[in-house]
Amino acid sequence: MKKTKLTAALLAFGISASMIFQTPVYATEDTAAATATSTITTNSISGWPQGPEITSASAVIMEDTTNTILYAKDMDQALSPAGAVKIMTCLLALENSQLTDQVTMTETGVSGVTDGGAHISSQLGEVFTMEQCLYAIMLASANDIALQIAEQIGGSVDAFVEKMNSRAQELGCTNTVFTNPTGLPDDNQHTTAHDLALIMQAAINTDGFRDIASATSYTIPATNVSGGAATLPTVFP
């Protein structure tokens, strides 16, 4: 099955969560083929309000206290997660570190400046707090910072990816495979709208995530090498 990308916005599920994050339900980019064959399964429930047809290939709205599926359109279709991977990256960082921890950029992290994705132009030896790093990931989708966090928490990027997959299984995900903490394209990396809702559910119930994910801007003060403050969500390139 050909995979399509999820939108870059944060997943919101349940009415209150949608209002808190002020972002749309996670869904995939529209493709003519996917739209033509898609199925809104919740419309077949007797007496259930009919959900609208949408252009996205896949979507789900899940009530976050009972996991009741309010709306489902091909929610178990395997898709490329793109930047949504960083929700899991952020979740693991919050679960395995303190916001005051220092993060020093190594060659692993700064390689993300030239990997073709978003970054904040971090430099070798530059020091950030974990809190600053998580804002950089969630506001600027910074691959350099995601890679550095992965190395710091996992010991290596590969070991961190193993943690990502183990945590996904613990959360009940049934069709999710992560291969990197950044979301850069990989044919073997995939998830579903339903699995992503479960990951997001864990994230918003983790201390600190709501503040970080709902922020519209954040300023990183001058670091030991930057020479000046940087206001996110500035993204390079």
C-alpha atoms as a PDB file:
ATOM      1  CA  MET A   1       0.000   0.000   0.000  1.00  0.00           C
ATOM      2  CA  LYS A   2       1.398   3.371  -0.983  1.00  0.00           C
ATOM      3  CA  LYS A   3       1.939   5.604   2.027  1.00  0.00           C
ATOM      4  CA  THR A   4       1.105   9.294   2.110  1.00  0.00           C
ATOM      5  CA  LYS A   5       2.381  11.909   4.514  1.00  0.00           C
ATOM      6  CA  LEU A   6       0.616  13.204   7.560  1.00  0.00           C
ATOM      7  CA  THR A   7       0.176  16.928   7.886  1.00  0.00           C
ATOM      8  CA  ALA A   8       2.729  18.786   9.960  1.00  0.00           C
ATOM      9  CA  ALA A   9       0.195  20.094  12.483  1.00  0.00           C
ATOM     10  CA  LEU A  10      -0.139  18.495  15.902  1.00  0.00           C
ATOM     11  CA  LEU A  11      -2.707  15.772  16.432  1.00  0.00           C
ATOM     12  CA  ALA A  12      -5.672  16.864  18.515  1.00  0.00           C
ATOM     13  CA  PHE A  13      -8.307  14.423  19.664  1.00  0.00           C
ATOM     14  CA  GLY A  14     -11.551  15.020  21.543  1.00  0.00           C
ATOM     15  CA  ILE A  15     -13.370  18.351  21.563  1.00  0.00           C
ATOM     16  CA  SER A  16     -11.458  19.885  24.480  1.00  0.00           C
ATOM     17  CA  ALA A  17      -8.052  18.849  23.132  1.00  0.00           C
ATOM     18  CA  SER A  18      -8.805  20.451  19.798  1.00  0.00           C
ATOM     19  CA  MET A  19      -9.512  23.703  21.567  1.00  0.00           C
ATOM     20  CA  ILE A  20      -6.451  23.502  23.780  1.00  0.00           C
ATOM     21  CA  PHE A  21      -3.997  22.984  20.943  1.00  0.00           C
ATOM     22  CA  GLN A  22      -5.870  25.080  18.406  1.00  0.00           C
ATOM     23  CA  THR A  23      -4.819  22.628  15.707  1.00  0.00           C
ATOM     24  CA  PRO A  24      -6.713  20.277  13.398  1.00  0.00           C
ATOM     25  CA  VAL A  25      -7.150  16.558  13.774  1.00  0.00           C
ATOM     26  CA  TYR A  26      -4.175  14.670  12.416  1.00  0.00           C
ATOM     27  CA  ALA A  27      -4.881  13.599   8.892  1.00  0.00           C
ATOM     28  CA  THR A  28      -2.996  12.708   5.760  1.00  0.00           C
ATOM     29  CA  GLU A  29      -2.399  14.793   2.713  1.00  0.00           C
ATOM     30  CA  ASP A  30      -5.046  14.320   0.079  1.00  0.00           C
ATOM     31  CA  THR A  31      -4.476  11.882  -2.770  1.00  0.00           C
ATOM     32  CA  ALA A  32      -7.080  11.195  -5.411  1.00  0.00           C
ATOM     33  CA  ALA A  33      -6.737   7.433  -5.098  1.00  0.00           C
ATOM     34  CA  ALA A  34      -6.965   7.437  -1.302  1.00  0.00           C
ATOM     35  CA  THR A  35      -9.994   9.711  -1.312  1.00  0.00           C
ATOM     36  CA  ALA A  36     -11.789   7.567  -3.871  1.00  0.00           C
ATOM     37  CA  THR A  37     -11.414   4.395  -1.790  1.00  0.00           C
ATOM     38  CA  SER A  38     -11.628   5.808   1.724  1.00  0.00           C
ATOM     39  CA  THR A  39     -14.214   4.662   4.229  1.00  0.00           C
ATOM     40  CA  ILE A  40     -15.666   6.604   7.152  1.00  0.00           C
ATOM     41  CA  THR A  41     -16.324   3.586   9.350  1.00  0.00           C
ATOM     42  CA  THR A  42     -18.118   5.496  12.086  1.00  0.00           C
ATOM     43  CA  ASN A  43     -20.875   6.398   9.610  1.00  0.00           C
ATOM     44  CA  SER A  44     -21.992   2.776   9.632  1.00  0.00           C
ATOM     45  CA  ILE A  45     -22.827   2.848  13.370  1.00  0.00           C
ATOM     46  CA  SER A  46     -26.579   2.838  13.869  1.00  0.00           C
ATOM     47  CA  GLY A  47     -27.806   6.119  15.341  1.00  0.00           C
ATOM     48  CA  TRP A  48     -24.372   7.714  15.272  1.00  0.00           C
ATOM     49  CA  PRO A  49     -24.063  11.241  13.800  1.00  0.00           C
ATOM     50  CA  GLN A  50     -22.797  11.110  10.232  1.00  0.00           C
ATOM     51  CA  GLY A  51     -19.285  12.477   9.909  1.00  0.00           C
ATOM     52  CA  PRO A  52     -18.303  14.611   6.921  1.00  0.00           C
ATOM     53  CA  GLU A  53     -16.248  13.432   3.986  1.00  0.00           C
ATOM     54  CA  ILE A  54     -12.831  15.072   4.110  1.00  0.00           C
ATOM     55  CA  THR A  55     -10.035  15.267   1.565  1.00  0.00           C
ATOM     56  CA  SER A  56      -7.493  13.699   3.911  1.00  0.00           C
ATOM     57  CA  ALA A  57      -6.765  10.043   3.313  1.00  0.00           C
ATOM     58  CA  SER A  58      -6.979   9.110   6.983  1.00  0.00           C
ATOM     59  CA  ALA A  59      -8.198  10.703  10.206  1.00  0.00           C
ATOM     60  CA  VAL A  60      -9.493   9.921  13.670  1.00  0.00           C
ATOM     61  CA  ILE A  61     -11.124  11.820  16.519  1.00  0.00           C
ATOM     62  CA  MET A  62     -10.740   9.966  19.820  1.00  0.00           C
ATOM     63  CA  GLU A  63     -12.269  11.010  23.140  1.00  0.00           C
ATOM     64  CA  ASP A  64      -9.291  11.083  25.467  1.00  0.00           C
ATOM     65  CA  THR A  65     -10.739   9.668  28.694  1.00  0.00           C
ATOM     66  CA  THR A  66     -12.535   6.593  27.353  1.00  0.00           C
ATOM     67  CA  ASN A  67     -10.724   6.141  24.002  1.00  0.00           C
ATOM     68  CA  THR A  68     -14.125   6.191  22.295  1.00  0.00           C
ATOM     69  CA  ILE A  69     -13.691   6.711  18.562  1.00  0.00           C
ATOM     70  CA  LEU A  70     -15.953   9.582  17.548  1.00  0.00           C
ATOM     71  CA  TYR A  71     -14.888   9.762  13.918  1.00  0.00           C
ATOM     72  CA  ALA A  72     -12.773   7.395  11.878  1.00  0.00           C
ATOM     73  CA  LYS A  73     -11.726   7.490   8.281  1.00  0.00           C
ATOM     74  CA  ASP A  74      -9.314   4.688   7.391  1.00  0.00           C
ATOM     75  CA  MET A  75      -7.721   5.213  10.795  1.00  0.00           C
ATOM     76  CA  ASP A  76      -5.627   2.022  10.545  1.00  0.00           C
ATOM     77  CA  GLN A  77      -4.121   2.811   7.152  1.00  0.00           C
ATOM     78  CA  ALA A  78      -0.300   2.728   7.219  1.00  0.00           C
ATOM     79  CA  LEU A  79       1.129   6.158   6.468  1.00  0.00           C
ATOM     80  CA  SER A  80       4.438   7.964   6.593  1.00  0.00           C
ATOM     81  CA  PRO A  81       4.437  10.004   9.826  1.00  0.00           C
ATOM     82  CA  ALA A  82       6.810  12.767   8.660  1.00  0.00           C
ATOM     83  CA  GLY A  83       7.236  15.384  11.425  1.00  0.00           C
ATOM     84  CA  ALA A  84       4.666  13.682  13.656  1.00  0.00           C
ATOM     85  CA  VAL A  85       7.514  11.399  14.712  1.00  0.00           C
ATOM     86  CA  LYS A  86       8.705  14.249  16.918  1.00  0.00           C
ATOM     87  CA  ILE A  87       5.702  13.816  19.222  1.00  0.00           C
ATOM     88  CA  MET A  88       7.205  10.498  20.318  1.00  0.00           C
ATOM     89  CA  THR A  89      10.683  12.041  20.459  1.00  0.00           C
ATOM     90  CA  CYS A  90       9.376  14.746  22.786  1.00  0.00           C
ATOM     91  CA  LEU A  91       7.383  12.274  24.877  1.00  0.00           C
ATOM     92  CA  LEU A  92      10.419  10.075  25.546  1.00  0.00           C
ATOM     93  CA  ALA A  93      12.525  13.110  26.403  1.00  0.00           C
ATOM     94  CA  LEU A  94       9.968  14.271  28.972  1.00  0.00           C
ATOM     95  CA  GLU A  95       9.709  10.781  30.446  1.00  0.00           C
ATOM     96  CA  ASN A  96      13.476  10.241  30.697  1.00  0.00           C
ATOM     97  CA  SER A  97      14.993  13.603  31.610  1.00  0.00           C
ATOM     98  CA  GLN A  98      14.541  16.847  33.502  1.00  0.00           C
ATOM     99  CA  LEU A  99      13.820  20.143  31.735  1.00  0.00           C
ATOM    100  CA  THR A 100      16.899  21.613  33.439  1.00  0.00           C
ATOM    101  CA  ASP A 101      19.267  18.963  32.040  1.00  0.00           C
ATOM    102  CA  GLN A 102      22.060  20.312  29.865  1.00  0.00           C
ATOM    103  CA  VAL A 103      22.332  19.073  26.295  1.00  0.00           C
ATOM    104  CA  THR A 104      25.658  19.562  24.510  1.00  0.00           C
ATOM    105  CA  MET A 105      25.691  19.319  20.737  1.00  0.00           C
ATOM    106  CA  THR A 106      27.911  16.595  19.302  1.00  0.00           C
ATOM    107  CA  GLU A 107      28.656  15.584  15.721  1.00  0.00           C
ATOM    108  CA  THR A 108      25.517  13.436  15.846  1.00  0.00           C
ATOM    109  CA  GLY A 109      23.312  16.431  16.489  1.00  0.00           C
ATOM    110  CA  VAL A 110      24.938  18.955  14.185  1.00  0.00           C
ATOM    111  CA  SER A 111      24.694  16.446  11.326  1.00  0.00           C
ATOM    112  CA  GLY A 112      21.027  17.432  11.334  1.00  0.00           C
ATOM    113  CA  VAL A 113      21.974  20.889  10.101  1.00  0.00           C
ATOM    114  CA  THR A 114      22.920  19.444   6.726  1.00  0.00           C
ATOM    115  CA  ASP A 115      20.538  16.480   6.435  1.00  0.00           C
ATOM    116  CA  GLY A 116      18.080  18.363   4.244  1.00  0.00           C
ATOM    117  CA  GLY A 117      15.489  18.958   6.951  1.00  0.00           C
ATOM    118  CA  ALA A 118      14.566  21.718   9.384  1.00  0.00           C
ATOM    119  CA  HIS A 119      17.166  22.821  11.954  1.00  0.00           C
ATOM    120  CA  ILE A 120      18.157  25.744  14.178  1.00  0.00           C
ATOM    121  CA  SER A 121      21.782  25.972  12.999  1.00  0.00           C
ATOM    122  CA  SER A 122      23.184  24.458  16.175  1.00  0.00           C
ATOM    123  CA  GLN A 123      26.957  24.277  16.489  1.00  0.00           C
ATOM    124  CA  LEU A 124      29.375  21.686  17.800  1.00  0.00           C
ATOM    125  CA  GLY A 125      29.778  22.126  21.556  1.00  0.00           C
ATOM    126  CA  GLU A 126      26.762  24.417  21.879  1.00  0.00           C
ATOM    127  CA  VAL A 127      24.857  23.878  25.116  1.00  0.00           C
ATOM    128  CA  PHE A 128      21.085  24.045  25.539  1.00  0.00           C
ATOM    129  CA  THR A 129      18.739  23.036  28.333  1.00  0.00           C
ATOM    130  CA  MET A 130      16.397  20.151  27.689  1.00  0.00           C
ATOM    131  CA  GLU A 131      13.491  22.597  27.889  1.00  0.00           C
ATOM    132  CA  GLN A 132      15.008  24.729  25.132  1.00  0.00           C
ATOM    133  CA  CYS A 133      15.559  21.612  23.064  1.00  0.00           C
ATOM    134  CA  LEU A 134      11.950  20.495  23.323  1.00  0.00           C
ATOM    135  CA  TYR A 135      10.660  23.898  22.258  1.00  0.00           C
ATOM    136  CA  ALA A 136      13.058  23.763  19.304  1.00  0.00           C
ATOM    137  CA  ILE A 137      11.665  20.374  18.306  1.00  0.00           C
ATOM    138  CA  MET A 138       7.996  21.221  18.661  1.00  0.00           C
ATOM    139  CA  LEU A 139       8.064  24.804  17.327  1.00  0.00           C
ATOM    140  CA  ALA A 140      10.853  24.614  14.755  1.00  0.00           C
ATOM    141  CA  SER A 141      10.816  20.863  13.983  1.00  0.00           C
ATOM    142  CA  ALA A 142      14.575  20.968  14.497  1.00  0.00           C
ATOM    143  CA  ASN A 143      16.209  17.761  13.274  1.00  0.00           C
ATOM    144  CA  ASP A 144      19.583  18.678  14.767  1.00  0.00           C
ATOM    145  CA  ILE A 145      18.042  18.921  18.221  1.00  0.00           C
ATOM    146  CA  ALA A 146      15.957  15.749  17.795  1.00  0.00           C
ATOM    147  CA  LEU A 147      19.089  13.780  16.901  1.00  0.00           C
ATOM    148  CA  GLN A 148      20.993  15.177  19.886  1.00  0.00           C
ATOM    149  CA  ILE A 149      18.215  14.359  22.306  1.00  0.00           C
ATOM    150  CA  ALA A 150      18.065  10.851  20.875  1.00  0.00           C
ATOM    151  CA  GLU A 151      21.767  10.334  21.493  1.00  0.00           C
ATOM    152  CA  GLN A 152      21.658  11.841  24.980  1.00  0.00           C
ATOM    153  CA  ILE A 153      18.724   9.749  26.171  1.00  0.00           C
ATOM    154  CA  GLY A 154      19.364   6.544  24.268  1.00  0.00           C
ATOM    155  CA  GLY A 155      23.151   6.543  24.209  1.00  0.00           C
ATOM    156  CA  SER A 156      22.866   6.380  20.439  1.00  0.00           C
ATOM    157  CA  VAL A 157      20.241   7.285  17.870  1.00  0.00           C
ATOM    158  CA  ASP A 158      19.626   3.610  17.080  1.00  0.00           C
ATOM    159  CA  ALA A 159      19.088   2.777  20.749  1.00  0.00           C
ATOM    160  CA  PHE A 160      16.680   5.690  21.074  1.00  0.00           C
ATOM    161  CA  VAL A 161      14.692   4.440  18.074  1.00  0.00           C
ATOM    162  CA  GLU A 162      14.369   1.084  19.847  1.00  0.00           C
ATOM    163  CA  LYS A 163      12.907   2.959  22.811  1.00  0.00           C
ATOM    164  CA  MET A 164      10.470   4.709  20.472  1.00  0.00           C
ATOM    165  CA  ASN A 165       9.196   1.412  19.114  1.00  0.00           C
ATOM    166  CA  SER A 166       8.979  -0.197  22.553  1.00  0.00           C
ATOM    167  CA  ARG A 167       7.025   2.761  23.914  1.00  0.00           C
ATOM    168  CA  ALA A 168       4.659   2.654  20.944  1.00  0.00           C
ATOM    169  CA  GLN A 169       3.897  -0.999  21.679  1.00  0.00           C
ATOM    170  CA  GLU A 170       3.325  -0.195  25.355  1.00  0.00           C
ATOM    171  CA  LEU A 171       0.769   2.417  24.317  1.00  0.00           C
ATOM    172  CA  GLY A 172      -1.159  -0.124  22.262  1.00  0.00           C
ATOM    173  CA  CYS A 173       0.045   0.874  18.806  1.00  0.00           C
ATOM    174  CA  THR A 174      -0.407  -2.013  16.378  1.00  0.00           C
ATOM    175  CA  ASN A 175       0.938  -0.689  13.072  1.00  0.00           C
ATOM    176  CA  THR A 176       3.750   1.707  13.930  1.00  0.00           C
ATOM    177  CA  VAL A 177       7.438   1.367  13.109  1.00  0.00           C
ATOM    178  CA  PHE A 178       9.893   4.188  13.783  1.00  0.00           C
ATOM    179  CA  THR A 179      13.310   4.274  12.137  1.00  0.00           C
ATOM    180  CA  ASN A 180      14.496   7.758  13.141  1.00  0.00           C
ATOM    181  CA  PRO A 181      13.602  10.515  15.661  1.00  0.00           C
ATOM    182  CA  THR A 182      13.264  13.259  13.035  1.00  0.00           C
ATOM    183  CA  GLY A 183      10.613  12.121  10.579  1.00  0.00           C
ATOM    184  CA  LEU A 184      12.906  12.280   7.561  1.00  0.00           C
ATOM    185  CA  PRO A 185      11.607  10.012   4.766  1.00  0.00           C
ATOM    186  CA  ASP A 186      12.186   6.290   5.185  1.00  0.00           C
ATOM    187  CA  ASP A 187      10.159   3.623   3.391  1.00  0.00           C
ATOM    188  CA  ASN A 188      10.209   1.455   6.522  1.00  0.00           C
ATOM    189  CA  GLN A 189       8.853   4.132   8.856  1.00  0.00           C
ATOM    190  CA  HIS A 190       5.086   4.264   9.230  1.00  0.00           C
ATOM    191  CA  THR A 191       2.188   4.754  11.610  1.00  0.00           C
ATOM    192  CA  THR A 192      -1.582   5.156  11.515  1.00  0.00           C
ATOM    193  CA  ALA A 193      -3.945   7.898  12.586  1.00  0.00           C
ATOM    194  CA  HIS A 194      -5.240   5.632  15.369  1.00  0.00           C
ATOM    195  CA  ASP A 195      -1.763   4.795  16.656  1.00  0.00           C
ATOM    196  CA  LEU A 196      -0.811   8.454  16.529  1.00  0.00           C
ATOM    197  CA  ALA A 197      -3.862   9.327  18.627  1.00  0.00           C
ATOM    198  CA  LEU A 198      -2.659   6.884  21.294  1.00  0.00           C
ATOM    199  CA  ILE A 199       0.814   8.437  21.246  1.00  0.00           C
ATOM    200  CA  MET A 200      -0.632  11.925  21.480  1.00  0.00           C
ATOM    201  CA  GLN A 201      -2.875  10.859  24.344  1.00  0.00           C
ATOM    202  CA  ALA A 202       0.185   9.829  26.338  1.00  0.00           C
ATOM    203  CA  ALA A 203       1.983  13.029  25.408  1.00  0.00           C
ATOM    204  CA  ILE A 204      -0.706  15.470  26.532  1.00  0.00           C
ATOM    205  CA  ASN A 205      -0.981  13.635  29.835  1.00  0.00           C
ATOM    206  CA  THR A 206       2.752  14.061  30.455  1.00  0.00           C
ATOM    207  CA  ASP A 207       3.848  17.062  32.512  1.00  0.00           C
ATOM    208  CA  GLY A 208       5.249  19.825  30.346  1.00  0.00           C
ATOM    209  CA  PHE A 209       4.007  18.678  26.969  1.00  0.00           C
ATOM    210  CA  ARG A 210       0.898  20.847  26.810  1.00  0.00           C
ATOM    211  CA  ASP A 211       2.850  24.017  27.576  1.00  0.00           C
ATOM    212  CA  ILE A 212       5.468  23.222  24.956  1.00  0.00           C
ATOM    213  CA  ALA A 213       3.090  22.016  22.241  1.00  0.00           C
ATOM    214  CA  SER A 214       0.653  24.914  22.651  1.00  0.00           C
ATOM    215  CA  ALA A 215       3.298  27.648  22.533  1.00  0.00           C
ATOM    216  CA  THR A 216       3.293  29.947  19.528  1.00  0.00           C
ATOM    217  CA  SER A 217       6.787  31.318  20.092  1.00  0.00           C
ATOM    218  CA  TYR A 218       9.782  30.786  22.353  1.00  0.00           C
ATOM    219  CA  THR A 219      13.102  32.575  22.752  1.00  0.00           C
ATOM    220  CA  ILE A 220      16.322  30.690  23.364  1.00  0.00           C
ATOM    221  CA  PRO A 221      18.748  33.057  25.122  1.00  0.00           C
ATOM    222  CA  ALA A 222      22.300  33.464  23.882  1.00  0.00           C
ATOM    223  CA  THR A 223      24.209  30.223  24.351  1.00  0.00           C
ATOM    224  CA  ASN A 224      27.886  29.613  25.006  1.00  0.00           C
ATOM    225  CA  VAL A 225      28.602  29.953  21.260  1.00  0.00           C
ATOM    226  CA  SER A 226      25.642  31.674  19.582  1.00  0.00           C
ATOM    227  CA  GLY A 227      26.317  35.261  20.569  1.00  0.00           C
ATOM    228  CA  GLY A 228      22.635  36.187  20.565  1.00  0.00           C
ATOM    229  CA  ALA A 229      19.102  35.064  21.340  1.00  0.00           C
ATOM    230  CA  ALA A 230      17.017  33.106  18.841  1.00  0.00           C
ATOM    231  CA  THR A 231      13.239  33.339  18.659  1.00  0.00           C
ATOM    232  CA  LEU A 232      11.395  30.244  17.507  1.00  0.00           C
ATOM    233  CA  PRO A 233       9.683  29.095  15.314  1.00  0.00           C
ATOM    234  CA  THR A 234      12.444  30.305  12.994  1.00  0.00           C
ATOM    235  CA  VAL A 235      13.317  27.278  10.883  1.00  0.00           C
ATOM    236  CA  PHE A 236      16.286  26.695   8.595  1.00  0.00           C
ATOM    237  CA  PRO A 237      16.431  26.093   5.719  1.00  0.00           C
END
